[in-house]
Protein backbone atom coordinates (compact mmCIF):
# COMPACT_ATOMS: atom_id res chain seq x y z
CA MET A 1 97.64 -44.24 -54.66
CA GLU A 2 97.20 -41.00 -55.67
CA ILE A 3 93.30 -41.57 -56.15
CA GLY A 4 93.17 -43.43 -52.76
CA GLY A 5 95.00 -40.40 -50.55
CA GLN A 6 92.54 -37.93 -52.54
CA MET A 7 89.27 -39.97 -51.22
CA ASN A 8 90.95 -39.70 -47.86
CA ARG A 9 91.29 -36.36 -47.97
CA SER A 10 87.85 -35.71 -49.07
CA ASN A 11 86.40 -38.49 -46.43
CA LYS A 12 88.65 -36.03 -43.91
CA VAL A 13 86.81 -33.05 -45.71
CA VAL A 14 83.34 -34.50 -45.12
CA PHE A 15 84.06 -35.94 -41.60
CA VAL A 16 84.80 -32.17 -40.47
CA ILE A 17 81.67 -30.83 -42.02
CA LEU A 18 79.74 -33.41 -40.21
CA ILE A 19 81.33 -32.75 -36.95
CA ILE A 20 80.83 -28.80 -37.26
CA ILE A 21 77.39 -29.49 -38.47
CA ILE A 22 76.70 -31.52 -34.95
CA GLY A 23 78.52 -29.12 -33.68
CA LEU A 24 75.53 -26.24 -34.50
CA LEU A 25 73.19 -28.59 -33.70
CA ALA A 26 74.02 -28.86 -30.21
CA ALA A 27 74.77 -25.44 -29.50
CA SER A 28 71.74 -24.43 -30.94
CA THR A 29 69.65 -27.24 -28.78
CA GLY A 30 71.23 -26.16 -26.02
CA ILE A 31 70.52 -22.11 -26.71
CA LEU A 32 66.86 -22.81 -27.06
CA LEU A 33 66.86 -24.99 -23.84
CA ALA A 34 68.33 -22.39 -22.17
CA MET A 35 65.64 -19.96 -23.08
CA ASN A 36 63.01 -21.97 -22.41
CA LEU A 37 63.87 -22.44 -19.26
CA ASN A 38 64.67 -18.92 -18.64
CA THR A 39 61.10 -18.22 -19.76
CA ASN A 40 59.53 -20.39 -17.47
CA SER A 41 61.03 -19.57 -14.65
CA GLY A 42 59.72 -16.02 -15.89
CA GLY A 43 56.53 -16.95 -16.06
CA GLY A 44 56.38 -18.45 -12.54
CA SER A 45 57.56 -15.42 -10.99
CA THR A 46 54.80 -13.65 -12.91
CA VAL A 47 52.45 -15.32 -11.68
CA THR A 48 53.36 -15.49 -8.06
CA ALA A 49 53.73 -11.94 -8.03
CA LYS A 50 50.12 -11.25 -9.04
CA LYS A 51 48.80 -13.87 -7.04
CA THR A 52 50.02 -11.57 -3.90
CA THR A 53 48.65 -8.66 -5.31
CA GLN A 54 45.51 -9.69 -6.06
CA THR A 55 44.90 -11.26 -2.68
CA PRO A 56 44.62 -8.09 -0.40
CA THR A 57 42.94 -5.98 -2.76
CA THR A 58 39.88 -8.61 -3.25
CA THR A 59 39.54 -9.13 0.44
CA LYS A 60 39.63 -5.44 0.61
CA ASP A 61 36.94 -4.50 -1.86
CA SER A 62 34.39 -7.47 -0.35
CA THR A 63 34.85 -5.89 2.88
CA THR A 64 34.09 -2.38 1.40
CA THR A 65 31.16 -3.40 -0.79
CA ALA A 66 29.57 -5.45 2.08
CA THR A 67 29.67 -2.47 4.15
CA THR A 68 27.93 -0.65 1.55
CA ASP A 69 24.95 -2.85 0.76
CA LYS A 70 24.45 -2.80 4.44
CA THR A 71 23.89 0.64 4.89
CA THR A 72 22.31 1.21 2.00
CA ASP A 73 19.29 -1.34 2.96
CA THR A 74 19.20 0.70 6.44
CA THR A 75 18.52 3.57 5.27
CA THR A 76 15.91 2.98 1.74
CA ALA A 77 13.65 0.05 3.92
CA PRO A 78 12.18 2.39 6.29
CA VAL A 79 9.53 0.49 8.61
CA THR A 80 6.06 1.95 7.52
CA THR A 81 2.70 1.26 8.72
CA PRO A 82 0.18 1.09 6.30
CA ALA A 83 -2.95 2.57 6.65
CA THR A 84 -6.39 -0.02 6.82
CA PRO A 85 -8.52 0.67 4.22
CA SER A 86 -12.21 0.71 4.57
CA ALA A 87 -14.25 -2.19 4.65
CA VAL A 88 -16.93 0.21 3.15
CA THR A 89 -17.99 0.16 -0.03
CA GLU A 90 -21.71 0.99 -0.65
CA ALA A 91 -24.51 1.81 2.24
CA ALA A 92 -26.24 -0.50 4.15
CA PRO A 93 -29.94 -0.97 3.27
CA ILE A 94 -32.29 0.91 5.60
CA GLY A 95 -33.80 -2.28 7.33
CA ASP A 96 -30.19 -3.29 8.49
CA ARG A 97 -28.86 -0.31 10.58
CA PRO A 98 -29.17 -0.56 14.39
CA SER A 99 -30.58 3.36 14.61
CA GLY A 100 -32.54 5.62 11.80
CA PRO A 101 -33.89 9.09 11.89
CA THR A 102 -36.26 10.33 14.52
CA ASP A 103 -38.33 12.45 12.36
CA SER A 104 -39.59 11.27 8.91
CA HIS A 105 -42.64 12.09 6.48
CA LYS A 106 -44.38 9.90 4.82
CA VAL A 107 -45.48 11.98 1.61
CA ALA A 108 -49.56 11.69 0.81
CA ILE A 109 -51.19 12.07 -2.46
CA GLY A 110 -51.17 15.69 -3.08
CA GLU A 111 -48.53 17.13 -1.34
CA THR A 112 -45.74 19.46 -1.92
CA LEU A 113 -42.47 20.18 -0.13
CA SER A 114 -43.86 23.49 0.92
CA VAL A 115 -47.01 21.98 2.57
CA ILE A 116 -45.08 19.30 4.29
CA ALA A 117 -42.18 21.53 5.37
CA LYS A 118 -45.15 23.99 7.16
CA LEU A 119 -46.42 20.88 9.00
CA TYR A 120 -43.40 21.03 10.99
CA ASP A 121 -42.98 24.86 11.11
CA LEU A 122 -40.11 24.55 8.52
CA ASN A 123 -38.74 26.31 5.50
CA TRP A 124 -39.27 23.99 2.41
CA VAL A 125 -35.48 24.29 1.82
CA ALA A 126 -34.21 23.09 4.98
CA VAL A 127 -36.32 19.71 4.46
CA ALA A 128 -34.77 19.70 0.59
CA ASP A 129 -31.42 20.03 2.20
CA ALA A 130 -31.66 17.27 4.98
CA ASN A 131 -32.85 14.76 2.18
CA GLY A 132 -30.16 16.00 -0.17
CA LEU A 133 -32.69 17.00 -2.34
CA SER A 134 -31.56 20.17 -5.22
CA GLU A 135 -34.82 22.66 -5.83
CA ALA A 136 -35.42 20.65 -8.92
CA ASP A 137 -35.71 17.50 -7.05
CA ALA A 138 -38.02 18.94 -5.08
CA ASN A 139 -40.53 19.48 -7.14
CA LYS A 140 -40.71 15.85 -8.05
CA ILE A 141 -41.29 13.86 -4.59
CA LYS A 142 -44.21 11.59 -5.14
CA ALA A 143 -46.92 9.96 -3.30
CA GLY A 144 -45.04 7.15 -0.48
CA GLN A 145 -41.83 8.57 -0.65
CA THR A 146 -40.23 9.01 3.05
CA LEU A 147 -38.63 12.47 3.82
CA ILE A 148 -36.29 13.03 7.09
CA ILE A 149 -37.70 15.63 8.81
CA PRO A 150 -34.58 17.88 10.39
CA LYS A 151 -35.26 19.63 14.03
CA ASN A 152 -33.60 22.05 15.82
CA ASN A 153 -31.00 22.53 12.76
CA GLN A 154 -30.06 18.62 13.08
CA ILE A 155 -31.35 15.40 12.40
CA SER A 156 -31.75 12.85 15.27
CA TYR A 157 -31.59 9.35 15.51
CA THR A 158 -33.50 6.50 17.53
CA VAL A 159 -31.82 3.29 18.27
CA ASN A 160 -33.83 0.06 17.27
CA GLN A 161 -32.23 -1.92 20.41
CA THR A 162 -33.58 -5.29 19.09
CA LYS A 163 -31.64 -4.76 15.66
CA ALA A 164 -28.56 -3.30 17.45
CA GLN A 165 -28.67 -6.60 19.59
CA SER A 166 -29.07 -8.81 16.50
CA LEU A 167 -26.02 -6.87 14.79
CA GLN A 168 -23.73 -7.18 18.04
CA ALA A 169 -24.44 -10.77 17.60
CA GLU A 170 -23.33 -11.38 14.09
CA VAL A 171 -19.93 -9.12 14.96
CA ASP A 172 -19.57 -11.30 17.93
CA ALA A 173 -19.99 -14.35 15.65
CA GLY A 174 -17.39 -12.37 13.10
CA LYS A 175 -19.85 -10.95 10.74
CA LYS A 176 -19.86 -7.69 10.04
CA VAL A 177 -16.65 -6.56 11.76
CA PHE A 178 -17.21 -2.94 9.72
CA ARG A 179 -19.29 -2.50 12.25
CA LEU A 180 -16.77 -2.05 15.40
CA SER A 181 -15.59 1.26 13.29
CA ALA A 182 -17.17 4.14 13.94
CA LEU A 183 -15.99 5.80 10.88
CA ASP A 184 -17.14 2.99 8.97
CA THR A 185 -20.79 2.68 10.16
CA VAL A 186 -21.19 6.19 9.42
CA LYS A 187 -20.12 5.61 5.83
CA SER A 188 -22.68 2.52 5.39
CA ASP A 189 -25.69 4.18 7.32
CA ILE A 190 -25.80 7.94 6.86
CA SER A 191 -27.67 8.18 3.34
CA PRO A 192 -29.83 9.83 2.64
CA CYS A 193 -29.11 12.57 5.32
CA TYR A 194 -28.05 15.58 3.44
CA GLY A 195 -26.88 13.82 0.51
CA ILE A 196 -24.00 12.47 2.05
CA VAL A 197 -22.68 9.23 0.32
CA VAL A 198 -20.07 6.70 0.78
CA ALA A 199 -17.48 8.31 -1.55
CA ASP A 200 -17.23 11.70 0.58
CA THR A 201 -14.46 12.50 3.05
CA TYR A 202 -14.63 11.09 6.41
CA LYS A 203 -12.44 12.07 9.14
CA GLU A 204 -12.56 10.16 12.83
CA THR A 205 -12.24 13.40 15.64
CA LYS A 206 -12.70 11.38 18.48
CA VAL A 207 -13.58 7.92 19.80
CA ASP A 208 -14.09 6.60 23.50
CA ASN A 209 -14.29 3.31 24.08
CA THR A 210 -15.00 3.96 27.87
CA SER A 211 -18.03 6.02 27.39
CA GLY A 212 -18.92 4.50 24.33
CA THR A 213 -19.39 7.41 22.45
CA ALA A 214 -17.83 8.70 18.92
CA THR A 215 -17.77 11.69 16.60
CA ILE A 216 -17.02 11.65 12.86
CA THR A 217 -17.00 14.71 10.70
CA VAL A 218 -17.87 14.39 6.93
CA THR A 219 -17.20 16.83 4.09
CA HIS A 220 -20.03 16.81 1.30
CA ASN A 221 -20.15 18.97 -1.65
CA SER A 222 -17.50 21.31 -0.19
CA LYS A 223 -19.82 21.36 3.49
CA ILE A 224 -18.64 19.98 6.78
CA TYR A 225 -21.39 17.87 8.95
CA GLU A 226 -20.48 16.38 12.42
CA VAL A 227 -21.72 12.79 13.10
CA LYS A 228 -22.28 11.81 16.66
CA LEU A 229 -22.38 8.13 17.40
CA THR A 230 -23.07 6.09 20.52
CA GLN A 231 -22.42 2.09 21.17
CA PRO A 232 -25.93 0.57 21.63
CA ALA A 233 -25.55 -2.77 22.97
CA THR A 234 -21.87 -3.39 24.16
CA LYS A 235 -19.26 -1.10 25.26
CA GLY A 236 -15.47 -0.92 24.49
CA ALA A 237 -13.23 -2.09 21.53
CA LYS A 238 -15.89 -5.50 21.02
CA GLY A 239 -19.17 -3.07 20.48
CA ILE A 240 -20.97 -1.99 17.47
CA TRP A 241 -21.52 1.47 16.99
CA SER A 242 -24.79 3.46 15.77
CA ILE A 243 -25.68 7.22 14.64
CA GLU A 244 -26.66 9.54 17.63
CA SER A 245 -27.20 12.50 15.22
CA VAL A 246 -25.85 14.39 12.38
CA LYS A 247 -25.88 18.64 11.68
CA PRO A 248 -24.00 20.87 9.53
CA VAL A 249 -21.49 22.50 10.95
CA SER A 250 -19.73 24.80 8.09
CA ALA A 251 -21.30 26.26 4.90
């Protein structure tokens, strides 16, 4: 009986210990559950706060950026009119021009520049200048060479009406349209007068389509030349141009 009583007491102790352990486990589980619920509740509140705070900020920033971009585009993109480049890059052949120098001389065998100049009551320097010849070149003229003869300190031109009408027809058909520009016509047709070349500086000073007249200035080797033009076939915006005269206006 004593032994049985001891076992009962032992069972009671074990039972009590189990109850205590179960109670501790239950308490721990309740605490952990409470903490988890508290954490989730706090996290949801944070997300809502962030969302509420960010929404007006994002909207404001987007509006500001759009306004700034629009202002910048207007300032940095001005409307400009591009310059029209010249269509002439080289001189036209002599036979493809509507006009040419009125006075010229074909060098005969044995003739020198001085001899030729005297034939026209000119100084040889004036003839050399009109043809763009240096002093060294003046001594190298050859028989058969054609020289331009200036008169009254200018080179006058004569229009070849047959050629002018032919060129006008080509332009009307959409060819050689550069001849609708007085400036481009000068670049194409002026050489070898005064040694002027396509690469020199050309400036349009007057164009009158009503009267069919124009004036172009050319700067060559620091000298300025005045070129007069006329419209030999058709007057107006659709008419071709031809050179009428060329003269130096400054040294």
